[in-house]
């Protein structure tokens, strides 16, 4: 039993030590990562807005309309596995248009690093 306990206590140390070796290969996941995650709220009620909302991401000549994927989720996703510096414009009838300052989407060795933005749309 003491040997088993010793192995359990030593295992995290061995794993940490072996991961820091420069000879270890980098293992990337196969998941698809969206670089932009935007939540849109009514500025007065703080309730999520989805229906009729358009979220547009622009990076130079590249443009993409972000989509709410599940219909139940309140997040708009886009810039899938695409680095860049994006200007986000959010529009909805009955609300003032919102333009966010540029958002940089960087990457690590395997995927983009997701950036989140919460937009509070002001009613007109």
Protein backbone atom coordinates (compact mmCIF):
# COMPACT_ATOMS: atom_id res chain seq x y z
CA UNK A 1 0.00 0.00 0.00
CA UNK A 2 2.86 2.39 0.77
CA UNK A 3 4.33 1.78 -2.70
CA UNK A 4 1.00 2.56 -4.34
CA UNK A 5 0.63 5.76 -2.32
CA UNK A 6 4.17 6.75 -3.26
CA UNK A 7 3.40 6.24 -6.98
CA UNK A 8 0.24 8.38 -6.73
CA UNK A 9 2.11 11.16 -4.98
CA UNK A 10 5.05 11.02 -7.39
CA UNK A 11 3.05 10.81 -10.64
CA UNK A 12 2.10 14.54 -10.86
CA UNK A 13 5.74 15.48 -10.32
CA UNK A 14 6.88 13.13 -13.08
CA UNK A 15 4.24 14.42 -15.47
CA UNK A 16 5.16 18.03 -14.78
CA UNK A 17 8.84 17.31 -15.26
CA UNK A 18 8.34 15.39 -18.49
CA UNK A 19 6.08 18.08 -20.02
CA UNK A 20 8.75 20.72 -19.63
CA UNK A 21 11.23 18.84 -21.80
CA UNK A 22 11.94 20.59 -25.09
CA UNK A 23 11.94 17.20 -26.81
CA UNK A 24 8.29 16.48 -26.04
CA UNK A 25 6.09 16.78 -29.14
CA UNK A 26 3.24 19.26 -29.08
CA UNK A 27 -0.10 17.52 -29.29
CA UNK A 28 -2.91 19.67 -30.67
CA UNK A 29 -6.58 18.87 -30.31
CA UNK A 30 -8.88 18.53 -33.29
CA UNK A 31 -11.43 20.97 -31.87
CA UNK A 32 -12.46 23.96 -33.99
CA UNK A 33 -11.92 27.20 -32.06
CA UNK A 34 -13.82 30.38 -32.83
CA UNK A 35 -11.68 33.48 -32.39
CA UNK A 36 -14.61 35.76 -31.61
CA UNK A 37 -17.37 35.16 -29.06
CA UNK A 38 -19.84 38.04 -28.80
CA UNK A 39 -22.77 38.34 -26.39
CA UNK A 40 -25.32 41.09 -27.10
CA UNK A 41 -27.44 42.51 -24.28
CA UNK A 42 -30.13 45.16 -24.02
CA UNK A 43 -28.37 47.99 -22.15
CA UNK A 44 -31.46 48.81 -20.09
CA UNK A 45 -32.78 45.36 -19.14
CA UNK A 46 -29.50 43.40 -19.44
CA UNK A 47 -31.49 40.70 -21.24
CA UNK A 48 -29.75 38.81 -24.07
CA UNK A 49 -30.61 39.87 -27.61
CA UNK A 50 -30.43 37.29 -30.39
CA UNK A 51 -33.38 37.63 -32.80
CA UNK A 52 -32.79 40.28 -35.43
CA UNK A 53 -29.23 40.98 -34.26
CA UNK A 54 -26.47 41.23 -36.86
CA UNK A 55 -22.86 40.97 -35.72
CA UNK A 56 -20.30 41.80 -38.42
CA UNK A 57 -16.54 41.27 -38.00
CA UNK A 58 -14.17 43.05 -40.38
CA UNK A 59 -10.41 42.53 -40.67
CA UNK A 60 -9.04 44.53 -43.61
CA UNK A 61 -10.84 43.23 -46.71
CA UNK A 62 -12.15 40.17 -44.85
CA UNK A 63 -15.75 40.32 -43.61
CA UNK A 64 -17.75 37.74 -41.70
CA UNK A 65 -21.24 37.73 -40.23
CA UNK A 66 -21.10 36.01 -36.84
CA UNK A 67 -23.79 33.47 -36.13
CA UNK A 68 -25.63 32.23 -33.09
CA UNK A 69 -25.06 28.50 -33.53
CA UNK A 70 -27.46 26.70 -31.26
CA UNK A 71 -30.48 28.96 -31.20
CA UNK A 72 -30.55 28.47 -27.43
CA UNK A 73 -27.16 30.03 -26.70
CA UNK A 74 -26.85 33.82 -26.58
CA UNK A 75 -23.32 33.94 -28.03
CA UNK A 76 -22.46 34.87 -31.62
CA UNK A 77 -19.39 33.01 -32.94
CA UNK A 78 -16.99 33.75 -35.78
CA UNK A 79 -13.42 34.03 -37.02
CA UNK A 80 -13.02 30.29 -36.70
CA UNK A 81 -9.31 29.43 -36.51
CA UNK A 82 -8.50 32.81 -38.11
CA UNK A 83 -6.09 35.28 -36.53
CA UNK A 84 -6.57 38.96 -37.19
CA UNK A 85 -7.56 42.34 -35.83
CA UNK A 86 -11.30 42.71 -36.08
CA UNK A 87 -13.70 45.62 -35.86
CA UNK A 88 -17.07 44.38 -34.60
CA UNK A 89 -20.28 46.15 -35.62
CA UNK A 90 -23.57 45.14 -33.98
CA UNK A 91 -26.94 46.24 -35.32
CA UNK A 92 -30.56 45.55 -34.41
CA UNK A 93 -33.70 47.40 -35.39
CA UNK A 94 -34.80 49.74 -32.58
CA UNK A 95 -31.27 50.00 -31.15
CA UNK A 96 -28.28 52.26 -31.75
CA UNK A 97 -25.51 50.70 -33.86
CA UNK A 98 -22.49 49.65 -31.79
CA UNK A 99 -18.93 49.64 -33.15
CA UNK A 100 -16.28 48.11 -30.90
CA UNK A 101 -12.62 49.14 -30.85
CA UNK A 102 -10.42 46.68 -32.78
CA UNK A 103 -10.04 43.27 -31.15
CA UNK A 104 -6.87 41.26 -31.77
CA UNK A 105 -7.31 37.49 -32.15
CA UNK A 106 -3.88 35.87 -31.65
CA UNK A 107 -2.97 32.19 -31.83
CA UNK A 108 -0.91 29.72 -29.88
CA UNK A 109 0.86 26.76 -31.46
CA UNK A 110 -2.39 24.90 -32.16
CA UNK A 111 -5.39 27.23 -32.28
CA UNK A 112 -6.56 30.81 -32.14
CA UNK A 113 -7.01 32.26 -28.68
CA UNK A 114 -10.69 33.15 -28.35
CA UNK A 115 -11.59 36.72 -27.51
CA UNK A 116 -14.91 37.52 -25.83
CA UNK A 117 -16.92 40.71 -26.09
CA UNK A 118 -20.15 41.72 -24.36
CA UNK A 119 -22.07 44.44 -26.17
CA UNK A 120 -24.75 46.50 -24.42
CA UNK A 121 -27.01 47.86 -27.15
CA UNK A 122 -28.77 51.14 -26.34
CA UNK A 123 -32.43 51.39 -27.37
CA UNK A 124 -33.16 54.31 -29.70
